Amino acid sequence: WPSPACRHDIRECIPLITGGNGWRIQALMQWATAYEMPLAVAVAKAWGNYVELISTKRVLFYWWVPDSTFIQMQPHQIHFPRHNPKEWAAGDKKTSLA
């Protein structure tokens, strides 16, 4: 899924990989749109593909702690405005995760 910020030329999109059944895909898409991030959001088809893509390519990725799969990569977190539970309950996921 190419975000609006790079749909005109997908070569400008930065790959962002998530996995499973699309972990946090709605939030990822809303963040890309709300903050004009030029992202191409993709879902890896299996855990092994997810790990391989992230380990061998220069991509952004959805990850969580305390999972240690990518700890040696020393990833950096992207910060969004403080979580707003009311907005999330209404489907507006522009703020950070809880």
PDB file of N, CA and C in Angstrom:
ATOM      1  N   TRP A   1       0.843  -1.170   0.000  1.00  0.00           N
ATOM      2  CA  TRP A   1       0.000   0.000   0.000  1.00  0.00           C
ATOM      3  C   TRP A   1       0.891   1.236   0.000  1.00  0.00           C
ATOM      4  N   PRO A   2       0.910   1.988  -1.072  1.00  0.00           N
ATOM      5  CA  PRO A   2       1.681   3.233  -1.082  1.00  0.00           C
ATOM      6  C   PRO A   2       0.876   4.370  -0.456  1.00  0.00           C
ATOM      7  N   SER A   3       1.511   5.101   0.436  1.00  0.00           N
ATOM      8  CA  SER A   3       0.828   6.221   1.092  1.00  0.00           C
ATOM      9  C   SER A   3       0.616   7.365   0.112  1.00  0.00           C
ATOM     10  N   PRO A   4      -0.310   8.270   0.424  1.00  0.00           N
ATOM     11  CA  PRO A   4      -0.559   9.399  -0.469  1.00  0.00           C
ATOM     12  C   PRO A   4       0.694  10.242  -0.755  1.00  0.00           C
ATOM     13  N   ALA A   5       1.633  10.288   0.196  1.00  0.00           N
ATOM     14  CA  ALA A   5       2.829  11.120   0.033  1.00  0.00           C
ATOM     15  C   ALA A   5       3.760  10.639  -1.072  1.00  0.00           C
ATOM     16  N   CYS A   6       3.597   9.393  -1.512  1.00  0.00           N
ATOM     17  CA  CYS A   6       4.496   8.900  -2.569  1.00  0.00           C
ATOM     18  C   CYS A   6       3.754   8.144  -3.670  1.00  0.00           C
ATOM     19  N   ARG A   7       2.435   8.203  -3.673  1.00  0.00           N
ATOM     20  CA  ARG A   7       1.669   7.504  -4.715  1.00  0.00           C
ATOM     21  C   ARG A   7       1.982   8.013  -6.113  1.00  0.00           C
ATOM     22  N   HIS A   8       2.319   9.273  -6.235  1.00  0.00           N
ATOM     23  CA  HIS A   8       2.618   9.850  -7.551  1.00  0.00           C
ATOM     24  C   HIS A   8       3.877   9.245  -8.162  1.00  0.00           C
ATOM     25  N   ASP A   9       4.765   8.717  -7.310  1.00  0.00           N
ATOM     26  CA  ASP A   9       6.003   8.088  -7.794  1.00  0.00           C
ATOM     27  C   ASP A   9       6.460   7.090  -6.732  1.00  0.00           C
ATOM     28  N   ILE A  10       6.096   5.839  -6.882  1.00  0.00           N
ATOM     29  CA  ILE A  10       6.371   4.859  -5.820  1.00  0.00           C
ATOM     30  C   ILE A  10       7.865   4.617  -5.592  1.00  0.00           C
ATOM     31  N   ARG A  11       8.699   5.093  -6.495  1.00  0.00           N
ATOM     32  CA  ARG A  11      10.148   4.995  -6.258  1.00  0.00           C
ATOM     33  C   ARG A  11      10.567   5.861  -5.076  1.00  0.00           C
ATOM     34  N   GLU A  12       9.723   6.818  -4.692  1.00  0.00           N
ATOM     35  CA  GLU A  12      10.014   7.688  -3.550  1.00  0.00           C
ATOM     36  C   GLU A  12       9.551   7.090  -2.223  1.00  0.00           C
ATOM     37  N   CYS A  13       8.836   5.981  -2.280  1.00  0.00           N
ATOM     38  CA  CYS A  13       8.312   5.353  -1.063  1.00  0.00           C
ATOM     39  C   CYS A  13       9.411   4.626  -0.290  1.00  0.00           C
ATOM     40  N   ILE A  14       9.340   4.706   1.011  1.00  0.00           N
ATOM     41  CA  ILE A  14      10.225   3.965   1.909  1.00  0.00           C
ATOM     42  C   ILE A  14       9.472   2.710   2.335  1.00  0.00           C
ATOM     43  N   PRO A  15      10.042   1.518   2.142  1.00  0.00           N
ATOM     44  CA  PRO A  15       9.336   0.294   2.536  1.00  0.00           C
ATOM     45  C   PRO A  15       9.168   0.200   4.057  1.00  0.00           C
ATOM     46  N   LEU A  16       7.985  -0.183   4.480  1.00  0.00           N
ATOM     47  CA  LEU A  16       7.690  -0.449   5.881  1.00  0.00           C
ATOM     48  C   LEU A  16       7.045  -1.835   5.938  1.00  0.00           C
ATOM     49  N   ILE A  17       7.660  -2.754   6.687  1.00  0.00           N
ATOM     50  CA  ILE A  17       7.208  -4.137   6.735  1.00  0.00           C
ATOM     51  C   ILE A  17       6.542  -4.427   8.072  1.00  0.00           C
ATOM     52  N   THR A  18       5.402  -5.078   8.004  1.00  0.00           N
ATOM     53  CA  THR A  18       4.760  -5.632   9.184  1.00  0.00           C
ATOM     54  C   THR A  18       4.534  -7.111   8.886  1.00  0.00           C
ATOM     55  N   GLY A  19       3.999  -7.832   9.816  1.00  0.00           N
ATOM     56  CA  GLY A  19       3.849  -9.270   9.605  1.00  0.00           C
ATOM     57  C   GLY A  19       2.508  -9.782  10.087  1.00  0.00           C
ATOM     58  N   GLY A  20       2.451 -11.093  10.317  1.00  0.00           N
ATOM     59  CA  GLY A  20       1.227 -11.724  10.810  1.00  0.00           C
ATOM     60  C   GLY A  20       0.062 -11.470   9.880  1.00  0.00           C
ATOM     61  N   ASN A  21      -1.059 -11.079  10.484  1.00  0.00           N
ATOM     62  CA  ASN A  21      -2.251 -10.760   9.700  1.00  0.00           C
ATOM     63  C   ASN A  21      -2.322  -9.262   9.388  1.00  0.00           C
ATOM     64  N   GLY A  22      -1.164  -8.594   9.491  1.00  0.00           N
ATOM     65  CA  GLY A  22      -1.097  -7.148   9.260  1.00  0.00           C
ATOM     66  C   GLY A  22      -1.018  -6.411  10.577  1.00  0.00           C
ATOM     67  N   TRP A  23      -0.068  -6.818  11.431  1.00  0.00           N
ATOM     68  CA  TRP A  23       0.060  -6.198  12.749  1.00  0.00           C
ATOM     69  C   TRP A  23       0.048  -4.684  12.631  1.00  0.00           C
ATOM     70  N   ARG A  24      -0.921  -4.064  13.284  1.00  0.00           N
ATOM     71  CA  ARG A  24      -1.075  -2.598  13.359  1.00  0.00           C
ATOM     72  C   ARG A  24      -1.158  -1.910  12.005  1.00  0.00           C
ATOM     73  N   ILE A  25      -1.638  -2.605  11.011  1.00  0.00           N
ATOM     74  CA  ILE A  25      -1.666  -2.038   9.657  1.00  0.00           C
ATOM     75  C   ILE A  25      -2.539  -0.781   9.568  1.00  0.00           C
ATOM     76  N   GLN A  26      -3.680  -0.765  10.263  1.00  0.00           N
ATOM     77  CA  GLN A  26      -4.536   0.429  10.208  1.00  0.00           C
ATOM     78  C   GLN A  26      -3.805   1.639  10.772  1.00  0.00           C
ATOM     79  N   ALA A  27      -3.140   1.454  11.905  1.00  0.00           N
ATOM     80  CA  ALA A  27      -2.394   2.566  12.503  1.00  0.00           C
ATOM     81  C   ALA A  27      -1.241   2.981  11.605  1.00  0.00           C
ATOM     82  N   LEU A  28      -0.519   2.027  11.050  1.00  0.00           N
ATOM     83  CA  LEU A  28       0.600   2.351  10.161  1.00  0.00           C
ATOM     84  C   LEU A  28       0.130   3.178   8.973  1.00  0.00           C
ATOM     85  N   MET A  29      -0.993   2.792   8.388  1.00  0.00           N
ATOM     86  CA  MET A  29      -1.535   3.522   7.242  1.00  0.00           C
ATOM     87  C   MET A  29      -2.018   4.911   7.651  1.00  0.00           C
ATOM     88  N   GLN A  30      -2.648   5.019   8.807  1.00  0.00           N
ATOM     89  CA  GLN A  30      -3.113   6.333   9.259  1.00  0.00           C
ATOM     90  C   GLN A  30      -1.938   7.238   9.606  1.00  0.00           C
ATOM     91  N   TRP A  31      -0.902   6.704  10.239  1.00  0.00           N
ATOM     92  CA  TRP A  31       0.277   7.523  10.543  1.00  0.00           C
ATOM     93  C   TRP A  31       0.918   8.019   9.256  1.00  0.00           C
ATOM     94  N   ALA A  32       1.080   7.134   8.283  1.00  0.00           N
ATOM     95  CA  ALA A  32       1.697   7.532   7.010  1.00  0.00           C
ATOM     96  C   ALA A  32       0.905   8.651   6.347  1.00  0.00           C
ATOM     97  N   THR A  33      -0.416   8.551   6.402  1.00  0.00           N
ATOM     98  CA  THR A  33      -1.280   9.554   5.773  1.00  0.00           C
ATOM     99  C   THR A  33      -1.278  10.858   6.570  1.00  0.00           C
ATOM    100  N   ALA A  34      -1.524  10.771   7.874  1.00  0.00           N
ATOM    101  CA  ALA A  34      -1.647  11.966   8.716  1.00  0.00           C
ATOM    102  C   ALA A  34      -0.358  12.782   8.773  1.00  0.00           C
ATOM    103  N   TYR A  35       0.784  12.102   8.763  1.00  0.00           N
ATOM    104  CA  TYR A  35       2.060  12.795   8.919  1.00  0.00           C
ATOM    105  C   TYR A  35       2.848  12.872   7.613  1.00  0.00           C
ATOM    106  N   GLU A  36       2.142  12.644   6.495  1.00  0.00           N
ATOM    107  CA  GLU A  36       2.715  12.769   5.155  1.00  0.00           C
ATOM    108  C   GLU A  36       4.042  12.023   5.011  1.00  0.00           C
ATOM    109  N   MET A  37       4.044  10.787   5.502  1.00  0.00           N
ATOM    110  CA  MET A  37       5.229   9.943   5.422  1.00  0.00           C
ATOM    111  C   MET A  37       5.191   9.153   4.109  1.00  0.00           C
ATOM    112  N   PRO A  38       6.234   9.222   3.310  1.00  0.00           N
ATOM    113  CA  PRO A  38       6.250   8.502   2.031  1.00  0.00           C
ATOM    114  C   PRO A  38       6.584   7.017   2.230  1.00  0.00           C
ATOM    115  N   LEU A  39       5.571   6.251   2.597  1.00  0.00           N
ATOM    116  CA  LEU A  39       5.782   4.843   2.925  1.00  0.00           C
ATOM    117  C   LEU A  39       5.040   3.916   1.974  1.00  0.00           C
ATOM    118  N   ALA A  40       5.637   2.770   1.737  1.00  0.00           N
ATOM    119  CA  ALA A  40       4.972   1.661   1.054  1.00  0.00           C
ATOM    120  C   ALA A  40       4.834   0.572   2.106  1.00  0.00           C
ATOM    121  N   VAL A  41       3.632   0.374   2.615  1.00  0.00           N
ATOM    122  CA  VAL A  41       3.378  -0.571   3.699  1.00  0.00           C
ATOM    123  C   VAL A  41       3.091  -1.945   3.114  1.00  0.00           C
ATOM    124  N   ALA A  42       3.788  -2.948   3.639  1.00  0.00           N
ATOM    125  CA  ALA A  42       3.620  -4.315   3.148  1.00  0.00           C
ATOM    126  C   ALA A  42       3.552  -5.288   4.327  1.00  0.00           C
ATOM    127  N   VAL A  43       2.884  -6.407   4.097  1.00  0.00           N
ATOM    128  CA  VAL A  43       2.771  -7.463   5.107  1.00  0.00           C
ATOM    129  C   VAL A  43       3.552  -8.675   4.610  1.00  0.00           C
ATOM    130  N   ALA A  44       4.542  -9.107   5.391  1.00  0.00           N
ATOM    131  CA  ALA A  44       5.294 -10.314   5.037  1.00  0.00           C
ATOM    132  C   ALA A  44       4.368 -11.518   5.163  1.00  0.00           C
ATOM    133  N   LYS A  45       4.525 -12.486   4.268  1.00  0.00           N
ATOM    134  CA  LYS A  45       3.584 -13.602   4.241  1.00  0.00           C
ATOM    135  C   LYS A  45       3.791 -14.620   5.350  1.00  0.00           C
ATOM    136  N   ALA A  46       4.942 -14.646   5.973  1.00  0.00           N
ATOM    137  CA  ALA A  46       5.203 -15.587   7.069  1.00  0.00           C
ATOM    138  C   ALA A  46       6.292 -15.009   7.973  1.00  0.00           C
ATOM    139  N   TRP A  47       6.384 -15.533   9.189  1.00  0.00           N
ATOM    140  CA  TRP A  47       7.370 -15.052  10.159  1.00  0.00           C
ATOM    141  C   TRP A  47       8.780 -15.086   9.575  1.00  0.00           C
ATOM    142  N   GLY A  48       9.145 -16.162   8.920  1.00  0.00           N
ATOM    143  CA  GLY A  48      10.480 -16.275   8.335  1.00  0.00           C
ATOM    144  C   GLY A  48      10.754 -15.199   7.304  1.00  0.00           C
ATOM    145  N   ASN A  49       9.765 -14.880   6.483  1.00  0.00           N
ATOM    146  CA  ASN A  49       9.907 -13.805   5.493  1.00  0.00           C
ATOM    147  C   ASN A  49      10.064 -12.451   6.183  1.00  0.00           C
ATOM    148  N   TYR A  50       9.278 -12.235   7.230  1.00  0.00           N
ATOM    149  CA  TYR A  50       9.335 -10.994   8.009  1.00  0.00           C
ATOM    150  C   TYR A  50      10.750 -10.788   8.549  1.00  0.00           C
ATOM    151  N   VAL A  51      11.280 -11.804   9.214  1.00  0.00           N
ATOM    152  CA  VAL A  51      12.615 -11.713   9.799  1.00  0.00           C
ATOM    153  C   VAL A  51      13.676 -11.525   8.716  1.00  0.00           C
ATOM    154  N   GLU A  52      13.581 -12.279   7.631  1.00  0.00           N
ATOM    155  CA  GLU A  52      14.575 -12.184   6.561  1.00  0.00           C
ATOM    156  C   GLU A  52      14.568 -10.804   5.899  1.00  0.00           C
ATOM    157  N   LEU A  53      13.388 -10.290   5.569  1.00  0.00           N
ATOM    158  CA  LEU A  53      13.298  -8.973   4.929  1.00  0.00           C
ATOM    159  C   LEU A  53      13.906  -7.883   5.812  1.00  0.00           C
ATOM    160  N   ILE A  54      13.554  -7.906   7.072  1.00  0.00           N
ATOM    161  CA  ILE A  54      14.038  -6.869   7.987  1.00  0.00           C
ATOM    162  C   ILE A  54      15.537  -7.011   8.230  1.00  0.00           C
ATOM    163  N   SER A  55      16.008  -8.237   8.293  1.00  0.00           N
ATOM    164  CA  SER A  55      17.423  -8.494   8.580  1.00  0.00           C
ATOM    165  C   SER A  55      18.338  -8.211   7.392  1.00  0.00           C
ATOM    166  N   THR A  56      17.800  -8.277   6.180  1.00  0.00           N
ATOM    167  CA  THR A  56      18.659  -8.157   4.994  1.00  0.00           C
ATOM    168  C   THR A  56      18.411  -6.918   4.138  1.00  0.00           C
ATOM    169  N   LYS A  57      17.361  -6.172   4.430  1.00  0.00           N
ATOM    170  CA  LYS A  57      17.025  -4.988   3.633  1.00  0.00           C
ATOM    171  C   LYS A  57      16.999  -3.750   4.517  1.00  0.00           C
ATOM    172  N   ARG A  58      17.161  -2.604   3.900  1.00  0.00           N
ATOM    173  CA  ARG A  58      17.031  -1.330   4.625  1.00  0.00           C
ATOM    174  C   ARG A  58      15.574  -0.895   4.561  1.00  0.00           C
ATOM    175  N   VAL A  59      14.819  -1.251   5.588  1.00  0.00           N
ATOM    176  CA  VAL A  59      13.387  -0.968   5.639  1.00  0.00           C
ATOM    177  C   VAL A  59      13.000  -0.509   7.040  1.00  0.00           C
ATOM    178  N   LEU A  60      11.880   0.184   7.098  1.00  0.00           N
ATOM    179  CA  LEU A  60      11.254   0.433   8.393  1.00  0.00           C
ATOM    180  C   LEU A  60      10.432  -0.803   8.717  1.00  0.00           C
ATOM    181  N   PHE A  61      10.158  -1.032  10.001  1.00  0.00           N
ATOM    182  CA  PHE A  61       9.385  -2.215  10.350  1.00  0.00           C
ATOM    183  C   PHE A  61       8.642  -2.038  11.658  1.00  0.00           C
ATOM    184  N   TYR A  62       7.519  -2.747  11.749  1.00  0.00           N
ATOM    185  CA  TYR A  62       6.758  -2.788  12.995  1.00  0.00           C
ATOM    186  C   TYR A  62       7.402  -3.846  13.877  1.00  0.00           C
ATOM    187  N   TRP A  63       7.666  -3.479  15.125  1.00  0.00           N
ATOM    188  CA  TRP A  63       8.317  -4.383  16.067  1.00  0.00           C
ATOM    189  C   TRP A  63       7.827  -4.060  17.465  1.00  0.00           C
ATOM    190  N   TRP A  64       8.003  -4.937  18.381  1.00  0.00           N
ATOM    191  CA  TRP A  64       7.531  -4.746  19.751  1.00  0.00           C
ATOM    192  C   TRP A  64       8.569  -5.257  20.726  1.00  0.00           C
ATOM    193  N   VAL A  65       8.507  -4.740  21.925  1.00  0.00           N
ATOM    194  CA  VAL A  65       9.347  -5.188  23.034  1.00  0.00           C
ATOM    195  C   VAL A  65       8.419  -5.946  23.974  1.00  0.00           C
ATOM    196  N   PRO A  66       8.793  -7.089  24.476  1.00  0.00           N
ATOM    197  CA  PRO A  66      10.140  -7.577  24.756  1.00  0.00           C
ATOM    198  C   PRO A  66      10.712  -8.540  23.723  1.00  0.00           C
ATOM    199  N   ASP A  67      10.133  -8.660  22.526  1.00  0.00           N
ATOM    200  CA  ASP A  67      10.707  -9.538  21.517  1.00  0.00           C
ATOM    201  C   ASP A  67      12.151  -9.111  21.238  1.00  0.00           C
ATOM    202  N   SER A  68      13.052 -10.064  21.143  1.00  0.00           N
ATOM    203  CA  SER A  68      14.474  -9.735  20.972  1.00  0.00           C
ATOM    204  C   SER A  68      15.016 -10.057  19.573  1.00  0.00           C
ATOM    205  N   THR A  69      14.150 -10.392  18.635  1.00  0.00           N
ATOM    206  CA  THR A  69      14.588 -10.809  17.305  1.00  0.00           C
ATOM    207  C   THR A  69      15.530  -9.806  16.639  1.00  0.00           C
ATOM    208  N   PHE A  70      15.252  -8.522  16.767  1.00  0.00           N
ATOM    209  CA  PHE A  70      16.033  -7.513  16.049  1.00  0.00           C
ATOM    210  C   PHE A  70      16.872  -6.637  16.983  1.00  0.00           C
ATOM    211  N   ILE A  71      17.034  -7.036  18.212  1.00  0.00           N
ATOM    212  CA  ILE A  71      17.718  -6.195  19.198  1.00  0.00           C
ATOM    213  C   ILE A  71      19.148  -5.847  18.770  1.00  0.00           C
ATOM    214  N   GLN A  72      19.839  -6.783  18.119  1.00  0.00           N
ATOM    215  CA  GLN A  72      21.218  -6.525  17.693  1.00  0.00           C
ATOM    216  C   GLN A  72      21.296  -5.436  16.624  1.00  0.00           C
ATOM    217  N   MET A  73      20.183  -5.138  15.966  1.00  0.00           N
ATOM    218  CA  MET A  73      20.153  -4.084  14.951  1.00  0.00           C
ATOM    219  C   MET A  73      20.069  -2.690  15.581  1.00  0.00           C
ATOM    220  N   GLN A  74      19.790  -2.636  16.874  1.00  0.00           N
ATOM    221  CA  GLN A  74      19.625  -1.377  17.603  1.00  0.00           C
ATOM    222  C   GLN A  74      18.649  -0.434  16.897  1.00  0.00           C
ATOM    223  N   PRO A  75      17.414  -0.902  16.663  1.00  0.00           N
ATOM    224  CA  PRO A  75      16.443  -0.067  15.949  1.00  0.00           C
ATOM    225  C   PRO A  75      16.042   1.172  16.752  1.00  0.00           C
ATOM    226  N   HIS A  76      15.609   2.182  16.019  1.00  0.00           N
ATOM    227  CA  HIS A  76      15.131   3.417  16.642  1.00  0.00           C
ATOM    228  C   HIS A  76      13.611   3.481  16.522  1.00  0.00           C
ATOM    229  N   GLN A  77      12.986   4.017  17.526  1.00  0.00           N
ATOM    230  CA  GLN A  77      11.533   4.142  17.543  1.00  0.00           C
ATOM    231  C   GLN A  77      11.112   5.476  16.926  1.00  0.00           C
ATOM    232  N   ILE A  78      10.035   5.448  16.175  1.00  0.00           N
ATOM    233  CA  ILE A  78       9.435   6.675  15.666  1.00  0.00           C
ATOM    234  C   ILE A  78       8.375   7.092  16.675  1.00  0.00           C
ATOM    235  N   HIS A  79       8.429   8.331  17.112  1.00  0.00           N
ATOM    236  CA  HIS A  79       7.493   8.816  18.121  1.00  0.00           C
ATOM    237  C   HIS A  79       6.374   9.638  17.490  1.00  0.00           C
ATOM    238  N   PHE A  80       5.163   9.366  17.928  1.00  0.00           N
ATOM    239  CA  PHE A  80       3.984  10.109  17.497  1.00  0.00           C
ATOM    240  C   PHE A  80       3.377  10.783  18.720  1.00  0.00           C
ATOM    241  N   PRO A  81       2.402  11.676  18.545  1.00  0.00           N
ATOM    242  CA  PRO A  81       1.777  12.309  19.703  1.00  0.00           C
ATOM    243  C   PRO A  81       1.239  11.272  20.701  1.00  0.00           C
ATOM    244  N   ARG A  82       1.178  11.674  21.953  1.00  0.00           N
ATOM    245  CA  ARG A  82       0.747  10.783  23.039  1.00  0.00           C
ATOM    246  C   ARG A  82      -0.581  10.106  22.711  1.00  0.00           C
ATOM    247  N   HIS A  83      -0.676   8.831  23.085  1.00  0.00           N
ATOM    248  CA  HIS A  83      -1.859   8.008  22.836  1.00  0.00           C
ATOM    249  C   HIS A  83      -3.134   8.687  23.336  1.00  0.00           C
ATOM    250  N   ASN A  84      -4.170   8.667  22.495  1.00  0.00           N
ATOM    251  CA  ASN A  84      -5.477   9.203  22.865  1.00  0.00           C
ATOM    252  C   ASN A  84      -6.492   8.072  22.742  1.00  0.00           C
ATOM    253  N   PRO A  85      -6.865   7.445  23.875  1.00  0.00           N
ATOM    254  CA  PRO A  85      -7.761   6.290  23.812  1.00  0.00           C
ATOM    255  C   PRO A  85      -9.124   6.594  23.194  1.00  0.00           C
ATOM    256  N   LYS A  86      -9.639   7.809  23.397  1.00  0.00           N
ATOM    257  CA  LYS A  86     -10.944   8.159  22.814  1.00  0.00           C
ATOM    258  C   LYS A  86     -10.864   8.181  21.287  1.00  0.00           C
ATOM    259  N   GLU A  87      -9.802   8.762  20.759  1.00  0.00           N
ATOM    260  CA  GLU A  87      -9.635   8.795  19.306  1.00  0.00           C
ATOM    261  C   GLU A  87      -9.456   7.384  18.746  1.00  0.00           C
ATOM    262  N   TRP A  88      -8.664   6.564  19.417  1.00  0.00           N
ATOM    263  CA  TRP A  88      -8.462   5.188  18.956  1.00  0.00           C
ATOM    264  C   TRP A  88      -9.783   4.424  18.967  1.00  0.00           C
ATOM    265  N   ALA A  89     -10.588   4.610  20.008  1.00  0.00           N
ATOM    266  CA  ALA A  89     -11.891   3.915  20.096  1.00  0.00           C
ATOM    267  C   ALA A  89     -12.813   4.319  18.944  1.00  0.00           C
ATOM    268  N   ALA A  90     -12.623   5.540  18.449  1.00  0.00           N
ATOM    269  CA  ALA A  90     -13.445   6.029  17.337  1.00  0.00           C
ATOM    270  C   ALA A  90     -12.819   5.681  15.979  1.00  0.00           C
ATOM    271  N   GLY A  91     -11.678   4.969  15.981  1.00  0.00           N
ATOM    272  CA  GLY A  91     -11.044   4.581  14.737  1.00  0.00           C
ATOM    273  C   GLY A  91      -9.979   5.529  14.222  1.00  0.00           C
ATOM    274  N   ASP A  92      -9.740   6.625  14.952  1.00  0.00           N
ATOM    275  CA  ASP A  92      -8.712   7.598  14.578  1.00  0.00           C
ATOM    276  C   ASP A  92      -7.432   7.223  15.307  1.00  0.00           C
ATOM    277  N   LYS A  93      -6.484   6.661  14.581  1.00  0.00           N
ATOM    278  CA  LYS A  93      -5.280   6.121  15.205  1.00  0.00           C
ATOM    279  C   LYS A  93      -4.036   6.945  14.904  1.00  0.00           C
ATOM    280  N   LYS A  94      -4.201   8.268  14.828  1.00  0.00           N
ATOM    281  CA  LYS A  94      -3.058   9.141  14.543  1.00  0.00           C
ATOM    282  C   LYS A  94      -2.075   9.211  15.699  1.00  0.00           C
ATOM    283  N   THR A  95      -2.539   8.993  16.914  1.00  0.00           N
ATOM    284  CA  THR A  95      -1.653   9.082  18.069  1.00  0.00           C
ATOM    285  C   THR A  95      -0.917   7.763  18.271  1.00  0.00           C
ATOM    286  N   SER A  96       0.069   7.764  19.158  1.00  0.00           N
ATOM    287  CA  SER A  96       0.878   6.559  19.370  1.00  0.00           C
ATOM    288  C   SER A  96       0.081   5.433  20.002  1.00  0.00           C
ATOM    289  N   LEU A  97       0.701   4.256  20.003  1.00  0.00           N
ATOM    290  CA  LEU A  97       0.091   3.099  20.654  1.00  0.00           C
ATOM    291  C   LEU A  97       0.024   3.350  22.161  1.00  0.00           C
ATOM    292  N   ALA A  98      -0.851   2.644  22.822  1.00  0.00           N
ATOM    293  CA  ALA A  98      -1.006   2.806  24.284  1.00  0.00           C
ATOM    294  C   ALA A  98       0.272   2.499  25.012  1.00  0.00           C
TER     295      ALA A  98
END
